């Protein structure tokens, strides 16, 4: 299933001529380039149409937001109307309110989900497509959650290798309680800046996105909606420093003896 999804995503990227753009962003990010004009790439017609295609393929596109609209309400628009709408809304971005629902967890507790409106989901997808390759180049190689072409199977394979070849037999389990609900907005934006995302216009849009009113709760001063399309990427940005710190302590630190492979 994971391979099929990856192949479909690649096919869509190539069909709309965006794969070369994503590859270039990844390569430049890997080489430490700073990005000051990402907004222009986000509102390119090919990126908007790709986002629209990806949104339509998502099963959640039939879930209503606070405005009661689904993908069917966008399906009646022409491609040019969709492009014009995205550009107009992003130029002076004011997010619509986020619908809040609670789903039952295996332990009997409830997990809150924030569901943006259909139009905001489309805008988030446009942003996600450009940010993802930049952030991917910065993430640690042993980070497996909510990343393209990675899954729990890859994490398990790494674990088996470490047990059988490196003879490491201890596991530390860390659970951050209410992580999504407690993400510091200012720290997240600073971490994105440190990663090389220095387009102030885009960062202002992301800041507004983070402060979208939550139905029944008001305007949040922290957290990301667990259900927003960009939220998994934002969570990985926040946790990236922890990943690299752990790596520096036990894996990639310099030794006094110059071992050679």
C-alpha atoms as a PDB file:
ATOM      1  CA  UNK A   1       0.000   0.000   0.000  1.00  0.00           C
ATOM      2  CA  UNK A   2       2.812   2.402   0.910  1.00  0.00           C
ATOM      3  CA  UNK A   3       4.571   1.718  -2.398  1.00  0.00           C
ATOM      4  CA  UNK A   4       1.346   2.213  -4.347  1.00  0.00           C
ATOM      5  CA  UNK A   5       0.719   5.544  -2.619  1.00  0.00           C
ATOM      6  CA  UNK A   6       4.290   6.699  -3.314  1.00  0.00           C
ATOM      7  CA  UNK A   7       4.022   5.719  -6.975  1.00  0.00           C
ATOM      8  CA  UNK A   8       0.707   7.554  -7.321  1.00  0.00           C
ATOM      9  CA  UNK A   9       2.170  10.652  -5.693  1.00  0.00           C
ATOM     10  CA  UNK A  10       5.194  10.562  -8.011  1.00  0.00           C
ATOM     11  CA  UNK A  11       2.943  10.117 -11.052  1.00  0.00           C
ATOM     12  CA  UNK A  12       0.874  13.153 -10.058  1.00  0.00           C
ATOM     13  CA  UNK A  13       4.016  15.228  -9.433  1.00  0.00           C
ATOM     14  CA  UNK A  14       5.408  14.370 -12.853  1.00  0.00           C
ATOM     15  CA  UNK A  15       2.086  14.890 -14.633  1.00  0.00           C
ATOM     16  CA  UNK A  16       1.900  18.491 -13.384  1.00  0.00           C
ATOM     17  CA  UNK A  17       5.621  19.072 -13.948  1.00  0.00           C
ATOM     18  CA  UNK A  18       6.411  19.643 -10.263  1.00  0.00           C
ATOM     19  CA  UNK A  19       8.783  16.770  -9.487  1.00  0.00           C
ATOM     20  CA  UNK A  20      11.795  18.650 -10.857  1.00  0.00           C
ATOM     21  CA  UNK A  21      10.867  21.636  -8.658  1.00  0.00           C
ATOM     22  CA  UNK A  22      10.622  19.424  -5.555  1.00  0.00           C
ATOM     23  CA  UNK A  23      13.936  17.718  -6.382  1.00  0.00           C
ATOM     24  CA  UNK A  24      15.613  21.117  -6.775  1.00  0.00           C
ATOM     25  CA  UNK A  25      14.210  22.371  -3.448  1.00  0.00           C
ATOM     26  CA  UNK A  26      15.451  19.229  -1.694  1.00  0.00           C
ATOM     27  CA  UNK A  27      18.934  19.481  -3.218  1.00  0.00           C
ATOM     28  CA  UNK A  28      19.270  23.181  -2.414  1.00  0.00           C
ATOM     29  CA  UNK A  29      18.087  22.627   1.158  1.00  0.00           C
ATOM     30  CA  UNK A  30      20.574  19.777   1.548  1.00  0.00           C
ATOM     31  CA  UNK A  31      23.313  22.204   0.519  1.00  0.00           C
ATOM     32  CA  UNK A  32      22.258  24.825   3.072  1.00  0.00           C
ATOM     33  CA  UNK A  33      20.621  27.307   0.695  1.00  0.00           C
ATOM     34  CA  UNK A  34      18.269  29.913   2.255  1.00  0.00           C
ATOM     35  CA  UNK A  35      14.811  30.294   0.712  1.00  0.00           C
ATOM     36  CA  UNK A  36      13.410  33.826   0.439  1.00  0.00           C
ATOM     37  CA  UNK A  37      10.855  33.539  -2.372  1.00  0.00           C
ATOM     38  CA  UNK A  38       8.837  30.394  -1.685  1.00  0.00           C
ATOM     39  CA  UNK A  39       5.502  32.201  -1.929  1.00  0.00           C
ATOM     40  CA  UNK A  40       5.962  32.537  -5.700  1.00  0.00           C
ATOM     41  CA  UNK A  41       6.394  28.760  -6.005  1.00  0.00           C
ATOM     42  CA  UNK A  42       3.327  28.090  -3.854  1.00  0.00           C
ATOM     43  CA  UNK A  43       1.023  30.133  -6.099  1.00  0.00           C
ATOM     44  CA  UNK A  44       2.365  28.725  -9.373  1.00  0.00           C
ATOM     45  CA  UNK A  45      -0.503  27.278 -11.390  1.00  0.00           C
ATOM     46  CA  UNK A  46       1.082  23.832 -11.656  1.00  0.00           C
ATOM     47  CA  UNK A  47       1.506  23.629  -7.860  1.00  0.00           C
ATOM     48  CA  UNK A  48      -2.108  24.684  -7.252  1.00  0.00           C
ATOM     49  CA  UNK A  49      -3.473  22.165  -9.757  1.00  0.00           C
ATOM     50  CA  UNK A  50      -1.330  19.399  -8.230  1.00  0.00           C
ATOM     51  CA  UNK A  51      -2.672  20.305  -4.779  1.00  0.00           C
ATOM     52  CA  UNK A  52      -6.221  20.167  -6.127  1.00  0.00           C
ATOM     53  CA  UNK A  53      -5.524  16.736  -7.616  1.00  0.00           C
ATOM     54  CA  UNK A  54      -4.047  15.434  -4.371  1.00  0.00           C
ATOM     55  CA  UNK A  55      -6.939  16.808  -2.340  1.00  0.00           C
ATOM     56  CA  UNK A  56      -9.471  15.071  -4.582  1.00  0.00           C
ATOM     57  CA  UNK A  57      -7.659  11.760  -4.116  1.00  0.00           C
ATOM     58  CA  UNK A  58      -7.820  12.095  -0.323  1.00  0.00           C
ATOM     59  CA  UNK A  59     -10.693  10.174   1.293  1.00  0.00           C
ATOM     60  CA  UNK A  60     -11.091  12.980   3.827  1.00  0.00           C
ATOM     61  CA  UNK A  61     -12.135  15.383   1.082  1.00  0.00           C
ATOM     62  CA  UNK A  62     -15.765  14.443   1.693  1.00  0.00           C
ATOM     63  CA  UNK A  63     -15.553  15.526   5.353  1.00  0.00           C
ATOM     64  CA  UNK A  64     -17.215  18.870   6.015  1.00  0.00           C
ATOM     65  CA  UNK A  65     -15.544  21.800   7.742  1.00  0.00           C
ATOM     66  CA  UNK A  66     -17.311  24.531   9.720  1.00  0.00           C
ATOM     67  CA  UNK A  67     -18.703  25.980   6.480  1.00  0.00           C
ATOM     68  CA  UNK A  68     -20.358  22.668   5.554  1.00  0.00           C
ATOM     69  CA  UNK A  69     -18.496  22.411   2.245  1.00  0.00           C
ATOM     70  CA  UNK A  70     -16.703  19.374   0.776  1.00  0.00           C
ATOM     71  CA  UNK A  71     -14.653  18.665  -2.342  1.00  0.00           C
ATOM     72  CA  UNK A  72     -17.909  18.616  -4.319  1.00  0.00           C
ATOM     73  CA  UNK A  73     -18.200  22.374  -3.830  1.00  0.00           C
ATOM     74  CA  UNK A  74     -14.805  22.868  -5.480  1.00  0.00           C
ATOM     75  CA  UNK A  75     -15.462  20.268  -8.186  1.00  0.00           C
ATOM     76  CA  UNK A  76     -17.988  22.609  -9.802  1.00  0.00           C
ATOM     77  CA  UNK A  77     -15.269  25.209 -10.409  1.00  0.00           C
ATOM     78  CA  UNK A  78     -13.022  25.338 -13.460  1.00  0.00           C
ATOM     79  CA  UNK A  79      -9.269  24.951 -13.016  1.00  0.00           C
ATOM     80  CA  UNK A  80      -8.784  28.664 -13.677  1.00  0.00           C
ATOM     81  CA  UNK A  81     -11.380  29.554 -11.046  1.00  0.00           C
ATOM     82  CA  UNK A  82      -9.582  27.353  -8.498  1.00  0.00           C
ATOM     83  CA  UNK A  83      -6.228  28.983  -9.332  1.00  0.00           C
ATOM     84  CA  UNK A  84      -7.701  32.489  -9.053  1.00  0.00           C
ATOM     85  CA  UNK A  85      -9.403  31.655  -5.746  1.00  0.00           C
ATOM     86  CA  UNK A  86      -6.188  30.257  -4.185  1.00  0.00           C
ATOM     87  CA  UNK A  87      -4.115  33.260  -5.279  1.00  0.00           C
ATOM     88  CA  UNK A  88      -6.735  35.723  -4.021  1.00  0.00           C
ATOM     89  CA  UNK A  89      -7.097  34.079  -0.611  1.00  0.00           C
ATOM     90  CA  UNK A  90      -3.360  33.653  -0.025  1.00  0.00           C
ATOM     91  CA  UNK A  91      -2.645  37.275  -0.953  1.00  0.00           C
ATOM     92  CA  UNK A  92      -4.430  38.423   2.218  1.00  0.00           C
ATOM     93  CA  UNK A  93      -4.850  35.171   4.102  1.00  0.00           C
ATOM     94  CA  UNK A  94      -7.500  34.974   6.835  1.00  0.00           C
ATOM     95  CA  UNK A  95      -8.188  31.333   7.784  1.00  0.00           C
ATOM     96  CA  UNK A  96     -11.694  30.077   8.340  1.00  0.00           C
ATOM     97  CA  UNK A  97     -12.559  28.486  11.680  1.00  0.00           C
ATOM     98  CA  UNK A  98     -11.527  24.882  12.368  1.00  0.00           C
ATOM     99  CA  UNK A  99     -14.162  22.268  13.138  1.00  0.00           C
ATOM    100  CA  UNK A 100     -13.381  20.325  16.313  1.00  0.00           C
ATOM    101  CA  UNK A 101     -14.393  16.681  16.743  1.00  0.00           C
ATOM    102  CA  UNK A 102     -13.323  14.007  19.200  1.00  0.00           C
ATOM    103  CA  UNK A 103     -12.602  10.397  18.258  1.00  0.00           C
ATOM    104  CA  UNK A 104     -12.367   7.472  20.636  1.00  0.00           C
ATOM    105  CA  UNK A 105      -8.874   6.037  21.283  1.00  0.00           C
ATOM    106  CA  UNK A 106      -8.091   2.381  22.034  1.00  0.00           C
ATOM    107  CA  UNK A 107      -7.618   3.179  25.735  1.00  0.00           C
ATOM    108  CA  UNK A 108     -11.109   4.639  26.020  1.00  0.00           C
ATOM    109  CA  UNK A 109      -9.966   8.262  26.064  1.00  0.00           C
ATOM    110  CA  UNK A 110     -10.860  10.772  23.371  1.00  0.00           C
ATOM    111  CA  UNK A 111      -8.483  12.443  20.953  1.00  0.00           C
ATOM    112  CA  UNK A 112      -9.402  15.909  19.620  1.00  0.00           C
ATOM    113  CA  UNK A 113      -9.209  16.484  15.877  1.00  0.00           C
ATOM    114  CA  UNK A 114      -9.227  19.843  14.137  1.00  0.00           C
ATOM    115  CA  UNK A 115     -10.753  19.789  10.659  1.00  0.00           C
ATOM    116  CA  UNK A 116     -10.065  22.893   8.517  1.00  0.00           C
ATOM    117  CA  UNK A 117     -12.555  23.923   5.850  1.00  0.00           C
ATOM    118  CA  UNK A 118     -12.190  22.418   2.398  1.00  0.00           C
ATOM    119  CA  UNK A 119     -10.782  25.646   0.945  1.00  0.00           C
ATOM    120  CA  UNK A 120      -8.218  25.961   3.746  1.00  0.00           C
ATOM    121  CA  UNK A 121      -7.195  22.343   3.197  1.00  0.00           C
ATOM    122  CA  UNK A 122      -6.484  23.159  -0.431  1.00  0.00           C
ATOM    123  CA  UNK A 123      -4.336  26.136   0.578  1.00  0.00           C
ATOM    124  CA  UNK A 124      -2.487  24.007   3.135  1.00  0.00           C
ATOM    125  CA  UNK A 125      -1.777  21.364   0.496  1.00  0.00           C
ATOM    126  CA  UNK A 126      -0.260  24.041  -1.765  1.00  0.00           C
ATOM    127  CA  UNK A 127       2.044  25.099   1.070  1.00  0.00           C
ATOM    128  CA  UNK A 128       2.837  21.537   2.170  1.00  0.00           C
ATOM    129  CA  UNK A 129       4.053  20.514  -1.286  1.00  0.00           C
ATOM    130  CA  UNK A 130       6.688  23.261  -1.313  1.00  0.00           C
ATOM    131  CA  UNK A 131       7.755  23.006   2.334  1.00  0.00           C
ATOM    132  CA  UNK A 132       8.032  19.208   2.476  1.00  0.00           C
ATOM    133  CA  UNK A 133      11.142  18.696   0.286  1.00  0.00           C
ATOM    134  CA  UNK A 134      12.949  21.547   2.080  1.00  0.00           C
ATOM    135  CA  UNK A 135      12.242  20.094   5.523  1.00  0.00           C
ATOM    136  CA  UNK A 136      12.892  16.506   4.407  1.00  0.00           C
ATOM    137  CA  UNK A 137      16.474  17.446   3.568  1.00  0.00           C
ATOM    138  CA  UNK A 138      16.962  18.603   7.179  1.00  0.00           C
ATOM    139  CA  UNK A 139      15.283  15.721   9.026  1.00  0.00           C
ATOM    140  CA  UNK A 140      17.273  12.960  10.705  1.00  0.00           C
ATOM    141  CA  UNK A 141      17.631   9.721   8.767  1.00  0.00           C
ATOM    142  CA  UNK A 142      16.162   7.703  11.657  1.00  0.00           C
ATOM    143  CA  UNK A 143      12.965   9.754  11.894  1.00  0.00           C
ATOM    144  CA  UNK A 144      10.150   7.620  10.458  1.00  0.00           C
ATOM    145  CA  UNK A 145       6.816   9.125  11.523  1.00  0.00           C
ATOM    146  CA  UNK A 146       4.588  11.040   9.092  1.00  0.00           C
ATOM    147  CA  UNK A 147       7.208  11.238   6.361  1.00  0.00           C
ATOM    148  CA  UNK A 148       6.966  10.370   2.649  1.00  0.00           C
ATOM    149  CA  UNK A 149       8.263   6.917   1.665  1.00  0.00           C
ATOM    150  CA  UNK A 150       8.730   5.946   5.330  1.00  0.00           C
ATOM    151  CA  UNK A 151       6.660   3.780   7.620  1.00  0.00           C
ATOM    152  CA  UNK A 152       6.672   1.706  10.798  1.00  0.00           C
ATOM    153  CA  UNK A 153       8.154  -1.144   8.740  1.00  0.00           C
ATOM    154  CA  UNK A 154      11.302   0.912   8.172  1.00  0.00           C
ATOM    155  CA  UNK A 155      11.550   1.644  11.892  1.00  0.00           C
ATOM    156  CA  UNK A 156      11.165  -2.064  12.697  1.00  0.00           C
ATOM    157  CA  UNK A 157      13.848  -2.999  10.157  1.00  0.00           C
ATOM    158  CA  UNK A 158      16.260  -0.536  11.774  1.00  0.00           C
ATOM    159  CA  UNK A 159      15.398  -1.926  15.205  1.00  0.00           C
ATOM    160  CA  UNK A 160      16.116  -5.525  14.095  1.00  0.00           C
ATOM    161  CA  UNK A 161      19.445  -4.456  12.578  1.00  0.00           C
ATOM    162  CA  UNK A 162      20.474  -2.716  15.808  1.00  0.00           C
ATOM    163  CA  UNK A 163      19.505  -5.760  17.884  1.00  0.00           C
ATOM    164  CA  UNK A 164      21.116  -8.418  15.693  1.00  0.00           C
ATOM    165  CA  UNK A 165      24.212  -6.622  14.376  1.00  0.00           C
ATOM    166  CA  UNK A 166      24.963  -3.968  16.973  1.00  0.00           C
ATOM    167  CA  UNK A 167      23.702  -5.999  19.939  1.00  0.00           C
ATOM    168  CA  UNK A 168      21.729  -3.094  21.377  1.00  0.00           C
ATOM    169  CA  UNK A 169      18.971  -4.528  23.562  1.00  0.00           C
ATOM    170  CA  UNK A 170      17.548  -1.591  25.525  1.00  0.00           C
ATOM    171  CA  UNK A 171      14.632   0.573  24.341  1.00  0.00           C
ATOM    172  CA  UNK A 172      13.660   3.981  25.741  1.00  0.00           C
ATOM    173  CA  UNK A 173       9.990   4.789  25.197  1.00  0.00           C
ATOM    174  CA  UNK A 174       9.152   8.510  25.298  1.00  0.00           C
ATOM    175  CA  UNK A 175       5.588   9.781  25.086  1.00  0.00           C
ATOM    176  CA  UNK A 176       4.961  13.529  24.913  1.00  0.00           C
ATOM    177  CA  UNK A 177       1.550  14.111  26.441  1.00  0.00           C
ATOM    178  CA  UNK A 178      -0.743  16.329  24.359  1.00  0.00           C
ATOM    179  CA  UNK A 179       2.065  17.144  21.929  1.00  0.00           C
ATOM    180  CA  UNK A 180      -0.092  18.540  19.126  1.00  0.00           C
ATOM    181  CA  UNK A 181      -2.042  20.741  21.537  1.00  0.00           C
ATOM    182  CA  UNK A 182       1.087  22.281  23.081  1.00  0.00           C
ATOM    183  CA  UNK A 183       3.309  23.169  20.116  1.00  0.00           C
ATOM    184  CA  UNK A 184       4.782  26.634  20.714  1.00  0.00           C
ATOM    185  CA  UNK A 185       3.929  28.790  17.680  1.00  0.00           C
ATOM    186  CA  UNK A 186       6.895  31.128  18.082  1.00  0.00           C
ATOM    187  CA  UNK A 187       9.387  28.279  18.467  1.00  0.00           C
ATOM    188  CA  UNK A 188       7.971  26.481  15.418  1.00  0.00           C
ATOM    189  CA  UNK A 189       8.392  29.590  13.247  1.00  0.00           C
ATOM    190  CA  UNK A 190      11.940  30.128  14.564  1.00  0.00           C
ATOM    191  CA  UNK A 191      12.837  26.513  13.789  1.00  0.00           C
ATOM    192  CA  UNK A 192      11.518  26.912  10.235  1.00  0.00           C
ATOM    193  CA  UNK A 193      13.619  30.068   9.900  1.00  0.00           C
ATOM    194  CA  UNK A 194      16.683  28.144  11.117  1.00  0.00           C
ATOM    195  CA  UNK A 195      15.968  25.456   8.507  1.00  0.00           C
ATOM    196  CA  UNK A 196      16.351  28.118   5.821  1.00  0.00           C
ATOM    197  CA  UNK A 197      12.680  29.004   5.282  1.00  0.00           C
ATOM    198  CA  UNK A 198      13.121  32.790   5.336  1.00  0.00           C
ATOM    199  CA  UNK A 199      10.206  33.937   3.196  1.00  0.00           C
ATOM    200  CA  UNK A 200       8.496  36.384   5.576  1.00  0.00           C
ATOM    201  CA  UNK A 201       5.305  36.449   3.498  1.00  0.00           C
ATOM    202  CA  UNK A 202       4.983  32.675   3.797  1.00  0.00           C
ATOM    203  CA  UNK A 203       5.814  32.695   7.523  1.00  0.00           C
ATOM    204  CA  UNK A 204       3.050  35.279   8.077  1.00  0.00           C
ATOM    205  CA  UNK A 205       0.591  32.948   6.318  1.00  0.00           C
ATOM    206  CA  UNK A 206       1.707  30.010   8.477  1.00  0.00           C
ATOM    207  CA  UNK A 207       1.377  32.159  11.602  1.00  0.00           C
ATOM    208  CA  UNK A 208      -2.195  33.055  10.615  1.00  0.00           C
ATOM    209  CA  UNK A 209      -2.903  29.372   9.901  1.00  0.00           C
ATOM    210  CA  UNK A 210      -1.739  28.403  13.395  1.00  0.00           C
ATOM    211  CA  UNK A 211      -4.053  30.990  14.928  1.00  0.00           C
ATOM    212  CA  UNK A 212      -7.175  29.848  13.060  1.00  0.00           C
ATOM    213  CA  UNK A 213     -10.156  29.989  15.411  1.00  0.00           C
ATOM    214  CA  UNK A 214     -11.203  26.593  16.785  1.00  0.00           C
ATOM    215  CA  UNK A 215     -14.948  26.080  16.876  1.00  0.00           C
ATOM    216  CA  UNK A 216     -16.203  26.419  20.444  1.00  0.00           C
ATOM    217  CA  UNK A 217     -12.747  27.209  21.886  1.00  0.00           C
ATOM    218  CA  UNK A 218     -11.676  30.477  20.285  1.00  0.00           C
ATOM    219  CA  UNK A 219      -8.284  31.526  18.917  1.00  0.00           C
ATOM    220  CA  UNK A 220      -5.426  29.268  20.131  1.00  0.00           C
ATOM    221  CA  UNK A 221      -2.123  30.654  21.411  1.00  0.00           C
ATOM    222  CA  UNK A 222      -0.370  27.298  21.062  1.00  0.00           C
ATOM    223  CA  UNK A 223      -0.764  23.924  19.354  1.00  0.00           C
ATOM    224  CA  UNK A 224      -1.477  22.754  15.819  1.00  0.00           C
ATOM    225  CA  UNK A 225      -4.806  21.190  14.783  1.00  0.00           C
ATOM    226  CA  UNK A 226      -4.412  17.396  14.746  1.00  0.00           C
ATOM    227  CA  UNK A 227      -6.163  16.900  11.437  1.00  0.00           C
ATOM    228  CA  UNK A 228      -4.648  19.795   9.488  1.00  0.00           C
ATOM    229  CA  UNK A 229      -2.656  18.775   6.407  1.00  0.00           C
ATOM    230  CA  UNK A 230       0.466  20.673   7.492  1.00  0.00           C
ATOM    231  CA  UNK A 231       0.322  19.569  11.137  1.00  0.00           C
ATOM    232  CA  UNK A 232       2.369  16.326  10.737  1.00  0.00           C
ATOM    233  CA  UNK A 233       5.125  18.286   8.967  1.00  0.00           C
ATOM    234  CA  UNK A 234       5.043  21.009  11.635  1.00  0.00           C
ATOM    235  CA  UNK A 235       5.317  18.375  14.381  1.00  0.00           C
ATOM    236  CA  UNK A 236       8.394  16.864  12.709  1.00  0.00           C
ATOM    237  CA  UNK A 237       9.964  20.336  12.446  1.00  0.00           C
ATOM    238  CA  UNK A 238       9.476  20.818  16.206  1.00  0.00           C
ATOM    239  CA  UNK A 239      10.860  17.355  17.049  1.00  0.00           C
ATOM    240  CA  UNK A 240      13.799  17.629  14.641  1.00  0.00           C
ATOM    241  CA  UNK A 241      16.065  19.295  17.204  1.00  0.00           C
ATOM    242  CA  UNK A 242      15.343  16.463  19.670  1.00  0.00           C
ATOM    243  CA  UNK A 243      16.141  13.845  17.006  1.00  0.00           C
ATOM    244  CA  UNK A 244      19.518  15.410  16.244  1.00  0.00           C
ATOM    245  CA  UNK A 245      20.313  15.958  19.941  1.00  0.00           C
ATOM    246  CA  UNK A 246      19.708  12.275  20.691  1.00  0.00           C
ATOM    247  CA  UNK A 247      21.826  11.340  17.682  1.00  0.00           C
ATOM    248  CA  UNK A 248      24.661  13.576  18.897  1.00  0.00           C
ATOM    249  CA  UNK A 249      24.593  11.928  22.329  1.00  0.00           C
ATOM    250  CA  UNK A 250      24.744   8.272  21.272  1.00  0.00           C
ATOM    251  CA  UNK A 251      25.215   7.871  17.534  1.00  0.00           C
ATOM    252  CA  UNK A 252      26.948  10.618  15.575  1.00  0.00           C
ATOM    253  CA  UNK A 253      29.211  12.150  18.254  1.00  0.00           C
ATOM    254  CA  UNK A 254      32.929  12.382  17.588  1.00  0.00           C
ATOM    255  CA  UNK A 255      35.108   9.799  19.320  1.00  0.00           C
ATOM    256  CA  UNK A 256      38.614  10.287  20.703  1.00  0.00           C
ATOM    257  CA  UNK A 257      39.820   7.441  18.505  1.00  0.00           C
ATOM    258  CA  UNK A 258      39.430   8.032  14.718  1.00  0.00           C
ATOM    259  CA  UNK A 259      37.512   4.877  13.780  1.00  0.00           C
ATOM    260  CA  UNK A 260      37.320   4.099  10.063  1.00  0.00           C
ATOM    261  CA  UNK A 261      34.578   2.306   8.199  1.00  0.00           C
END
